[in-house]
C-alpha atoms as a PDB file:
ATOM      1  CA  MET A   1     -70.856  -3.342  32.746  1.00  0.00           C
ATOM      2  CA  GLY A   2     -71.128  -5.794  35.656  1.00  0.00           C
ATOM      3  CA  ASN A   3     -69.093  -7.130  38.536  1.00  0.00           C
ATOM      4  CA  PRO A   4     -65.366  -6.340  38.045  1.00  0.00           C
ATOM      5  CA  ALA A   5     -64.517  -9.759  39.390  1.00  0.00           C
ATOM      6  CA  THR A   6     -66.619 -11.296  36.648  1.00  0.00           C
ATOM      7  CA  GLU A   7     -64.904  -9.114  34.035  1.00  0.00           C
ATOM      8  CA  ASP A   8     -61.538 -10.554  35.157  1.00  0.00           C
ATOM      9  CA  TYR A   9     -62.722 -14.102  34.550  1.00  0.00           C
ATOM     10  CA  GLN A  10     -60.669 -15.768  31.809  1.00  0.00           C
ATOM     11  CA  PRO A  11     -63.013 -17.611  29.432  1.00  0.00           C
ATOM     12  CA  PRO A  12     -62.149 -21.094  28.164  1.00  0.00           C
ATOM     13  CA  PRO A  13     -60.691 -21.590  24.684  1.00  0.00           C
ATOM     14  CA  TYR A  14     -63.257 -21.702  21.907  1.00  0.00           C
ATOM     15  CA  GLU A  15     -62.657 -25.426  21.267  1.00  0.00           C
ATOM     16  CA  GLN A  16     -63.413 -26.230  24.909  1.00  0.00           C
ATOM     17  CA  ALA A  17     -66.409 -23.905  25.072  1.00  0.00           C
ATOM     18  CA  THR A  18     -67.989 -25.505  22.019  1.00  0.00           C
ATOM     19  CA  GLN A  19     -67.785 -29.143  23.108  1.00  0.00           C
ATOM     20  CA  GLY A  20     -70.749 -31.501  23.078  1.00  0.00           C
ATOM     21  CA  LYS A  21     -73.591 -31.526  25.563  1.00  0.00           C
ATOM     22  CA  SER A  22     -71.303 -32.613  28.378  1.00  0.00           C
ATOM     23  CA  GLY A  23     -68.935 -29.710  27.697  1.00  0.00           C
ATOM     24  CA  PRO A  24     -69.014 -26.288  29.340  1.00  0.00           C
ATOM     25  CA  SER A  25     -70.751 -24.517  26.444  1.00  0.00           C
ATOM     26  CA  GLN A  26     -73.923 -26.532  27.083  1.00  0.00           C
ATOM     27  CA  GLN A  27     -73.956 -26.155  30.861  1.00  0.00           C
ATOM     28  CA  ASN A  28     -75.442 -23.318  32.889  1.00  0.00           C
ATOM     29  CA  ILE A  29     -76.502 -21.227  29.929  1.00  0.00           C
ATOM     30  CA  SER A  30     -78.458 -19.262  32.510  1.00  0.00           C
ATOM     31  CA  HIS A  31     -79.336 -19.617  36.167  1.00  0.00           C
ATOM     32  CA  HIS A  32     -83.070 -19.907  35.519  1.00  0.00           C
ATOM     33  CA  ASP A  33     -85.307 -21.968  33.266  1.00  0.00           C
ATOM     34  CA  THR A  34     -85.631 -20.330  29.838  1.00  0.00           C
ATOM     35  CA  SER A  35     -87.304 -23.219  28.014  1.00  0.00           C
ATOM     36  CA  SER A  36     -90.682 -21.462  27.960  1.00  0.00           C
ATOM     37  CA  ALA A  37     -89.401 -17.899  27.628  1.00  0.00           C
ATOM     38  CA  LYS A  38     -91.508 -15.633  25.422  1.00  0.00           C
ATOM     39  CA  PHE A  39     -89.085 -12.705  25.409  1.00  0.00           C
ATOM     40  CA  ALA A  40     -85.309 -12.648  25.033  1.00  0.00           C
ATOM     41  CA  CYS A  41     -82.711 -10.159  23.915  1.00  0.00           C
ATOM     42  CA  VAL A  42     -79.424  -9.766  22.093  1.00  0.00           C
ATOM     43  CA  THR A  43     -76.880  -7.127  23.052  1.00  0.00           C
ATOM     44  CA  LEU A  44     -73.928  -6.011  20.941  1.00  0.00           C
ATOM     45  CA  ASN A  45     -71.227  -5.151  23.444  1.00  0.00           C
ATOM     46  CA  GLN A  46     -67.920  -3.323  23.319  1.00  0.00           C
ATOM     47  CA  HIS A  47     -66.398  -3.652  19.827  1.00  0.00           C
ATOM     48  CA  ASP A  48     -66.528  -7.413  19.352  1.00  0.00           C
ATOM     49  CA  ARG A  49     -69.119  -9.223  21.502  1.00  0.00           C
ATOM     50  CA  ILE A  50     -72.617 -10.621  21.179  1.00  0.00           C
ATOM     51  CA  ARG A  51     -74.616 -11.670  24.242  1.00  0.00           C
ATOM     52  CA  LEU A  52     -77.758 -13.806  24.179  1.00  0.00           C
ATOM     53  CA  ILE A  53     -79.996 -13.237  27.209  1.00  0.00           C
ATOM     54  CA  ASN A  54     -82.972 -15.431  28.218  1.00  0.00           C
ATOM     55  CA  PHE A  55     -82.967 -17.572  25.070  1.00  0.00           C
ATOM     56  CA  PRO A  56     -83.715 -21.308  25.455  1.00  0.00           C
ATOM     57  CA  ALA A  57     -80.759 -23.686  25.241  1.00  0.00           C
ATOM     58  CA  ASP A  58     -81.750 -25.044  21.825  1.00  0.00           C
ATOM     59  CA  THR A  59     -81.858 -21.524  20.369  1.00  0.00           C
ATOM     60  CA  VAL A  60     -78.440 -20.719  21.850  1.00  0.00           C
ATOM     61  CA  THR A  61     -77.009 -23.880  20.284  1.00  0.00           C
ATOM     62  CA  SER A  62     -78.551 -23.098  16.889  1.00  0.00           C
ATOM     63  CA  PHE A  63     -77.302 -19.510  17.062  1.00  0.00           C
ATOM     64  CA  GLN A  64     -73.788 -20.672  17.896  1.00  0.00           C
ATOM     65  CA  ASP A  65     -73.809 -22.946  14.844  1.00  0.00           C
ATOM     66  CA  PHE A  66     -75.054 -20.033  12.728  1.00  0.00           C
ATOM     67  CA  LEU A  67     -72.393 -17.652  14.031  1.00  0.00           C
ATOM     68  CA  LYS A  68     -69.523 -20.016  13.178  1.00  0.00           C
ATOM     69  CA  THR A  69     -70.153 -19.427   9.475  1.00  0.00           C
ATOM     70  CA  ALA A  70     -71.809 -15.983   9.530  1.00  0.00           C
ATOM     71  CA  TRP A  71     -68.758 -13.971  10.608  1.00  0.00           C
ATOM     72  CA  PRO A  72     -65.796 -14.287   8.184  1.00  0.00           C
ATOM     73  CA  LYS A  73     -63.123 -14.082  10.900  1.00  0.00           C
ATOM     74  CA  GLY A  74     -64.811 -16.577  13.200  1.00  0.00           C
ATOM     75  CA  ILE A  75     -65.362 -16.763  16.960  1.00  0.00           C
ATOM     76  CA  GLN A  76     -62.487 -16.189  19.362  1.00  0.00           C
ATOM     77  CA  GLU A  77     -64.128 -17.267  22.634  1.00  0.00           C
ATOM     78  CA  VAL A  78     -67.451 -18.390  24.087  1.00  0.00           C
ATOM     79  CA  ARG A  79     -68.389 -18.130  27.749  1.00  0.00           C
ATOM     80  CA  ASP A  80     -71.253 -17.803  30.203  1.00  0.00           C
ATOM     81  CA  TYR A  81     -71.376 -14.187  31.362  1.00  0.00           C
ATOM     82  CA  GLY A  82     -73.866 -13.656  34.172  1.00  0.00           C
ATOM     83  CA  GLN A  83     -77.163 -15.030  32.866  1.00  0.00           C
ATOM     84  CA  SER A  84     -76.104 -14.721  29.237  1.00  0.00           C
ATOM     85  CA  ARG A  85     -74.075 -16.587  26.647  1.00  0.00           C
ATOM     86  CA  GLU A  86     -71.319 -14.335  25.299  1.00  0.00           C
ATOM     87  CA  PHE A  87     -69.557 -14.745  21.959  1.00  0.00           C
ATOM     88  CA  LYS A  88     -66.317 -12.818  21.460  1.00  0.00           C
ATOM     89  CA  LEU A  89     -65.671 -12.436  17.742  1.00  0.00           C
ATOM     90  CA  ASN A  90     -62.325 -12.085  16.031  1.00  0.00           C
ATOM     91  CA  GLY A  91     -61.830  -8.565  14.731  1.00  0.00           C
ATOM     92  CA  TYR A  92     -63.890  -5.523  15.674  1.00  0.00           C
ATOM     93  CA  PRO A  93     -67.303  -5.809  13.997  1.00  0.00           C
ATOM     94  CA  TRP A  94     -68.935  -2.978  15.959  1.00  0.00           C
ATOM     95  CA  TYR A  95     -66.260  -0.401  15.157  1.00  0.00           C
ATOM     96  CA  ARG A  96     -65.535   0.841  11.662  1.00  0.00           C
ATOM     97  CA  GLY A  97     -62.027   1.560  10.546  1.00  0.00           C
ATOM     98  CA  VAL A  98     -60.165  -0.489  13.166  1.00  0.00           C
ATOM     99  CA  ASP A  99     -59.683  -3.746  11.311  1.00  0.00           C
ATOM    100  CA  GLY A 100     -58.595  -3.062   7.752  1.00  0.00           C
ATOM    101  CA  SER A 101     -59.132  -6.671   6.674  1.00  0.00           C
ATOM    102  CA  LEU A 102     -62.896  -6.338   7.097  1.00  0.00           C
ATOM    103  CA  GLY A 103     -65.043  -3.441   6.014  1.00  0.00           C
ATOM    104  CA  PRO A 104     -68.359  -2.066   7.230  1.00  0.00           C
ATOM    105  CA  ASP A 105     -70.186  -4.223   4.681  1.00  0.00           C
ATOM    106  CA  ASP A 106     -69.151  -7.340   6.615  1.00  0.00           C
ATOM    107  CA  THR A 107     -70.607  -5.924   9.814  1.00  0.00           C
ATOM    108  CA  SER A 108     -73.823  -4.909   8.061  1.00  0.00           C
ATOM    109  CA  ARG A 109     -74.228  -8.370   6.570  1.00  0.00           C
ATOM    110  CA  LEU A 110     -73.662  -9.954   9.981  1.00  0.00           C
ATOM    111  CA  VAL A 111     -76.434  -7.865  11.545  1.00  0.00           C
ATOM    112  CA  LYS A 112     -78.842  -8.713   8.740  1.00  0.00           C
ATOM    113  CA  LYS A 113     -77.997 -12.415   8.960  1.00  0.00           C
ATOM    114  CA  LEU A 114     -78.377 -12.341  12.757  1.00  0.00           C
ATOM    115  CA  LEU A 115     -81.883 -10.901  12.570  1.00  0.00           C
ATOM    116  CA  GLU A 116     -82.841 -13.257   9.758  1.00  0.00           C
ATOM    117  CA  ALA A 117     -81.496 -16.331  11.568  1.00  0.00           C
ATOM    118  CA  LEU A 118     -83.409 -15.591  14.769  1.00  0.00           C
ATOM    119  CA  TYR A 119     -86.533 -14.735  12.747  1.00  0.00           C
ATOM    120  CA  ASN A 120     -86.374 -18.142  11.058  1.00  0.00           C
ATOM    121  CA  MET A 121     -86.024 -19.758  14.503  1.00  0.00           C
ATOM    122  CA  GLY A 122     -89.266 -18.061  15.549  1.00  0.00           C
ATOM    123  CA  TRP A 123     -87.773 -15.066  17.368  1.00  0.00           C
ATOM    124  CA  VAL A 124     -89.239 -11.864  15.923  1.00  0.00           C
ATOM    125  CA  LEU A 125     -87.699  -8.506  16.781  1.00  0.00           C
ATOM    126  CA  HIS A 126     -89.999  -6.680  19.194  1.00  0.00           C
ATOM    127  CA  SER A 127     -87.999  -3.492  19.658  1.00  0.00           C
ATOM    128  CA  ALA A 128     -84.515  -2.010  19.539  1.00  0.00           C
ATOM    129  CA  VAL A 129     -83.942  -0.018  22.721  1.00  0.00           C
ATOM    130  CA  ASP A 130     -81.078   2.357  23.409  1.00  0.00           C
ATOM    131  CA  LEU A 131     -80.059   1.374  26.944  1.00  0.00           C
ATOM    132  CA  ARG A 132     -76.375   1.553  26.172  1.00  0.00           C
ATOM    133  CA  LYS A 133     -73.548   3.189  27.982  1.00  0.00           C
ATOM    134  CA  GLN A 134     -70.209   3.843  26.359  1.00  0.00           C
ATOM    135  CA  GLY A 135     -69.067   0.776  24.431  1.00  0.00           C
ATOM    136  CA  ASN A 136     -72.496  -0.826  24.008  1.00  0.00           C
ATOM    137  CA  LYS A 137     -75.086  -0.665  21.228  1.00  0.00           C
ATOM    138  CA  ASP A 138     -78.843  -1.078  21.050  1.00  0.00           C
ATOM    139  CA  VAL A 139     -80.536  -3.823  23.061  1.00  0.00           C
ATOM    140  CA  LEU A 140     -82.489  -5.994  20.613  1.00  0.00           C
ATOM    141  CA  ALA A 141     -85.598  -7.442  22.282  1.00  0.00           C
ATOM    142  CA  PHE A 142     -87.245 -10.464  20.626  1.00  0.00           C
ATOM    143  CA  ARG A 143     -90.590 -12.196  21.094  1.00  0.00           C
ATOM    144  CA  ARG A 144     -91.057 -15.887  20.363  1.00  0.00           C
ATOM    145  CA  GLN A 145     -93.609 -16.747  17.679  1.00  0.00           C
ATOM    146  CA  SER A 146     -94.865 -20.303  17.232  1.00  0.00           C
ATOM    147  CA  PRO A 147     -94.936 -21.562  14.595  1.00  0.00           C
ATOM    148  CA  PRO A 148     -92.113 -19.454  13.115  1.00  0.00           C
ATOM    149  CA  PRO A 149     -93.232 -16.809  10.586  1.00  0.00           C
ATOM    150  CA  PRO A 150     -92.943 -17.392   6.815  1.00  0.00           C
ATOM    151  CA  LYS A 151     -89.506 -17.016   5.233  1.00  0.00           C
ATOM    152  CA  CYS A 152     -88.656 -13.538   3.969  1.00  0.00           C
ATOM    153  CA  GLU A 153     -86.302 -11.717   1.630  1.00  0.00           C
ATOM    154  CA  TRP A 154     -84.156  -9.177   3.477  1.00  0.00           C
ATOM    155  CA  ILE A 155     -82.520  -5.869   2.533  1.00  0.00           C
ATOM    156  CA  HIS A 156     -80.024  -3.915   4.618  1.00  0.00           C
ATOM    157  CA  ILE A 157     -79.750  -0.146   4.086  1.00  0.00           C
ATOM    158  CA  SER A 158     -77.083   2.095   5.639  1.00  0.00           C
ATOM    159  CA  PHE A 159     -76.931   5.879   5.883  1.00  0.00           C
ATOM    160  CA  ASP A 160     -73.210   6.167   5.184  1.00  0.00           C
ATOM    161  CA  SER A 161     -70.763   9.072   5.356  1.00  0.00           C
ATOM    162  CA  HIS A 162     -72.725  12.322   5.189  1.00  0.00           C
ATOM    163  CA  ASP A 163     -74.443  11.794   1.867  1.00  0.00           C
ATOM    164  CA  ARG A 164     -74.829   8.133   0.848  1.00  0.00           C
ATOM    165  CA  LEU A 165     -77.545   5.514   0.919  1.00  0.00           C
ATOM    166  CA  THR A 166     -76.083   2.013   0.605  1.00  0.00           C
ATOM    167  CA  PHE A 167     -78.035  -1.188  -0.110  1.00  0.00           C
ATOM    168  CA  LEU A 168     -76.625  -4.624   0.724  1.00  0.00           C
ATOM    169  CA  GLU A 169     -77.115  -6.588  -1.452  1.00  0.00           C
ATOM    170  CA  PRO A 170     -78.309  -4.706  -4.573  1.00  0.00           C
ATOM    171  CA  PRO A 171     -82.098  -4.550  -5.016  1.00  0.00           C
ATOM    172  CA  SER A 172     -83.668  -5.462  -8.346  1.00  0.00           C
ATOM    173  CA  GLN A 173     -83.298  -3.170 -11.344  1.00  0.00           C
ATOM    174  CA  GLU A 174     -86.966  -2.256 -11.022  1.00  0.00           C
ATOM    175  CA  ILE A 175     -86.425  -1.018  -7.472  1.00  0.00           C
ATOM    176  CA  ARG A 176     -83.213   0.826  -8.373  1.00  0.00           C
ATOM    177  CA  VAL A 177     -84.929   2.691 -11.202  1.00  0.00           C
ATOM    178  CA  ALA A 178     -87.854   3.586  -8.938  1.00  0.00           C
ATOM    179  CA  LEU A 179     -85.544   4.942  -6.229  1.00  0.00           C
ATOM    180  CA  LEU A 180     -83.578   7.110  -8.640  1.00  0.00           C
ATOM    181  CA  LYS A 181     -86.826   8.448 -10.066  1.00  0.00           C
ATOM    182  CA  THR A 182     -88.169   9.130  -6.570  1.00  0.00           C
ATOM    183  CA  PHE A 183     -85.123  11.115  -5.448  1.00  0.00           C
ATOM    184  CA  GLY A 184     -84.676  12.828  -8.813  1.00  0.00           C
ATOM    185  CA  ARG A 185     -82.341  15.831  -8.861  1.00  0.00           C
ATOM    186  CA  ALA A 186     -81.324  15.248  -5.256  1.00  0.00           C
ATOM    187  CA  VAL A 187     -79.108  12.400  -6.531  1.00  0.00           C
ATOM    188  CA  SER A 188     -75.520  13.331  -7.337  1.00  0.00           C
ATOM    189  CA  SER A 189     -74.478   9.880  -8.613  1.00  0.00           C
ATOM    190  CA  ASN A 190     -75.131   6.177  -8.142  1.00  0.00           C
ATOM    191  CA  GLU A 191     -72.994   3.063  -8.258  1.00  0.00           C
ATOM    192  CA  LEU A 192     -73.869  -0.600  -8.744  1.00  0.00           C
ATOM    193  CA  THR A 193     -71.510  -3.480  -7.956  1.00  0.00           C
ATOM    194  CA  LYS A 194     -72.096  -7.158  -7.280  1.00  0.00           C
ATOM    195  CA  ASP A 195     -72.042  -6.380  -3.540  1.00  0.00           C
ATOM    196  CA  HIS A 196     -73.995  -3.158  -3.182  1.00  0.00           C
ATOM    197  CA  PHE A 197     -76.023  -0.345  -4.704  1.00  0.00           C
ATOM    198  CA  GLU A 198     -75.129   3.156  -3.568  1.00  0.00           C
ATOM    199  CA  ILE A 199     -76.910   6.469  -4.048  1.00  0.00           C
ATOM    200  CA  LYS A 200     -74.874   9.636  -3.431  1.00  0.00           C
ATOM    201  CA  PHE A 201     -76.964  12.721  -2.705  1.00  0.00           C
ATOM    202  CA  GLN A 202     -76.276  16.379  -3.348  1.00  0.00           C
ATOM    203  CA  GLY A 203     -75.081  18.145  -0.226  1.00  0.00           C
ATOM    204  CA  PHE A 204     -74.812  16.438   3.152  1.00  0.00           C
ATOM    205  CA  PRO A 205     -78.287  15.173   4.100  1.00  0.00           C
ATOM    206  CA  TRP A 206     -77.054  13.066   7.049  1.00  0.00           C
ATOM    207  CA  SER A 207     -75.447  16.168   8.596  1.00  0.00           C
ATOM    208  CA  PRO A 208     -78.299  18.602   8.015  1.00  0.00           C
ATOM    209  CA  SER A 209     -78.671  22.228   8.983  1.00  0.00           C
ATOM    210  CA  GLY A 210     -81.323  24.833   8.294  1.00  0.00           C
ATOM    211  CA  GLU A 211     -84.147  23.634   6.041  1.00  0.00           C
ATOM    212  CA  ASP A 212     -82.272  20.392   5.391  1.00  0.00           C
ATOM    213  CA  THR A 213     -83.397  19.288   8.851  1.00  0.00           C
ATOM    214  CA  VAL A 214     -86.809  18.954   7.187  1.00  0.00           C
ATOM    215  CA  ASN A 215     -85.608  17.649   3.823  1.00  0.00           C
ATOM    216  CA  THR A 216     -83.670  14.782   5.388  1.00  0.00           C
ATOM    217  CA  PRO A 217     -86.705  13.160   7.080  1.00  0.00           C
ATOM    218  CA  LEU A 218     -88.586  13.582   3.800  1.00  0.00           C
ATOM    219  CA  LYS A 219     -85.899  11.491   2.094  1.00  0.00           C
ATOM    220  CA  LEU A 220     -86.482   8.735   4.634  1.00  0.00           C
ATOM    221  CA  LEU A 221     -90.235   8.843   4.036  1.00  0.00           C
ATOM    222  CA  LYS A 222     -89.713   8.654   0.278  1.00  0.00           C
ATOM    223  CA  LEU A 223     -87.423   5.663   0.754  1.00  0.00           C
ATOM    224  CA  LEU A 224     -89.965   3.807   2.904  1.00  0.00           C
ATOM    225  CA  GLU A 225     -92.825   4.621   0.536  1.00  0.00           C
ATOM    226  CA  THR A 226     -90.904   3.455  -2.530  1.00  0.00           C
ATOM    227  CA  MET A 227     -89.795   0.204  -0.903  1.00  0.00           C
ATOM    228  CA  GLU A 228     -93.334  -0.472   0.319  1.00  0.00           C
ATOM    229  CA  ARG A 229     -94.593  -0.347  -3.275  1.00  0.00           C
ATOM    230  CA  PHE A 230     -92.429  -3.405  -3.872  1.00  0.00           C
ATOM    231  CA  GLY A 231     -93.651  -5.260  -0.799  1.00  0.00           C
ATOM    232  CA  PHE A 232     -90.848  -4.358   1.624  1.00  0.00           C
ATOM    233  CA  SER A 233     -91.754  -3.263   5.149  1.00  0.00           C
ATOM    234  CA  LEU A 234     -89.500  -1.801   7.810  1.00  0.00           C
ATOM    235  CA  TYR A 235     -88.338  -4.499  10.244  1.00  0.00           C
ATOM    236  CA  SER A 236     -85.767  -2.645  12.309  1.00  0.00           C
ATOM    237  CA  SER A 237     -83.876   0.593  12.700  1.00  0.00           C
ATOM    238  CA  LEU A 238     -80.803   0.315  14.873  1.00  0.00           C
ATOM    239  CA  MET A 239     -77.332   1.596  15.596  1.00  0.00           C
ATOM    240  CA  THR A 240     -74.790  -1.209  15.473  1.00  0.00           C
ATOM    241  CA  LYS A 241     -71.388   0.389  14.943  1.00  0.00           C
ATOM    242  CA  ASN A 242     -69.256   3.490  15.229  1.00  0.00           C
ATOM    243  CA  ASN A 243     -67.256   4.951  12.379  1.00  0.00           C
ATOM    244  CA  HIS A 244     -63.668   6.133  12.516  1.00  0.00           C
ATOM    245  CA  GLU A 245     -64.892   9.671  13.223  1.00  0.00           C
ATOM    246  CA  GLY A 246     -66.448   8.481  16.494  1.00  0.00           C
ATOM    247  CA  THR A 247     -70.047   9.007  15.415  1.00  0.00           C
ATOM    248  CA  ASP A 248     -72.852   6.469  15.345  1.00  0.00           C
ATOM    249  CA  VAL A 249     -73.911   4.826  12.087  1.00  0.00           C
ATOM    250  CA  ASP A 250     -77.584   3.968  11.667  1.00  0.00           C
ATOM    251  CA  ASP A 251     -78.946   1.055   9.659  1.00  0.00           C
ATOM    252  CA  ILE A 252     -82.404  -0.065   8.666  1.00  0.00           C
ATOM    253  CA  ILE A 253     -83.484  -3.605   7.844  1.00  0.00           C
ATOM    254  CA  MET A 254     -86.462  -4.260   5.559  1.00  0.00           C
ATOM    255  CA  LYS A 255     -88.166  -7.550   4.732  1.00  0.00           C
ATOM    256  CA  ARG A 256     -90.582  -8.957   2.176  1.00  0.00           C
ATOM    257  CA  GLN A 257     -92.345 -12.298   2.465  1.00  0.00           C
ATOM    258  CA  ILE A 258     -91.083 -14.679  -0.199  1.00  0.00           C
ATOM    259  CA  GLY A 259     -93.667 -15.288  -2.899  1.00  0.00           C
ATOM    260  CA  LYS A 260     -95.819 -12.296  -1.935  1.00  0.00           C
ATOM    261  CA  HIS A 261     -94.613  -9.946  -4.685  1.00  0.00           C
END
C-alpha cells in the first residue's frame, strides 16, 4: 500500500485542503506534468477512499467539485498521496453492511455518477483491471478523448444476493416488459419502486453449481442482448464493494447515446 511513513501522514482538514488556487489542494497534485496526459486512472481504496492518478489539474478540480455533491455523506479529507489526489469519504462506500445510514444503492449510484462525470469531461473508461490486494478494488484506467464524447443515458445493474438482478434507476416499462419476457419462467418475482427495478430468479444463479454454471452465463448474454435492442451497450463491468458476507459484488454499467433511440 506504499511507504509506511507516508501512511502515517496526517492529512489537512477538508476545509484547508479545498482552499483556492493558493491553498494546498491545488499545489503539487503530482510530481510530474500531467497537463497533456492521455491516460489516467482511478482507484477505489480500502473502504472509503478514491484516488485520482495522472489526471490534469483542471480535471482533478472538476472531479472534486463533482464529488462534494455526489456522495450523500460528503468528503472527510483531501490530501496528496504519492503522485495521486486522495479523497477520503465519510462512511464506508466500498463495504456493504457497515454503515446502516447508507445502503448499497448509494454506493452503486456513486460509481455510476463517477464514470458518467469523467466521461462528460472527456475521460472514457479504457479498462477495469484487477490489480488489487486486500482492501483495494479494481483499477479503472481512462483514456482522454477530445472533444468529449456525446452525452449518454446510463444504467447501473447489480448482481445482488444469490438470485437478484437490480437496476438503478428503473428502466422504461418497455425494457422491463422485454426483460421479463426474455427470462420467462426463470423469474420468481419482480419489484418496481421509484428507486429501482429488481428481478428475483428461481434458484441461486449467482452461486451456481452443476449445469447452472452454464445457465448463469446464458442469463448474462440474454441481458446484454435485450438491452442492446434498446440501444444500450456495455460500458464497464467492475467490482466496487464487498458485502457483509465478505464476498465481492459485481456491477455492470451500460450507456445509450441520448437521442439515438
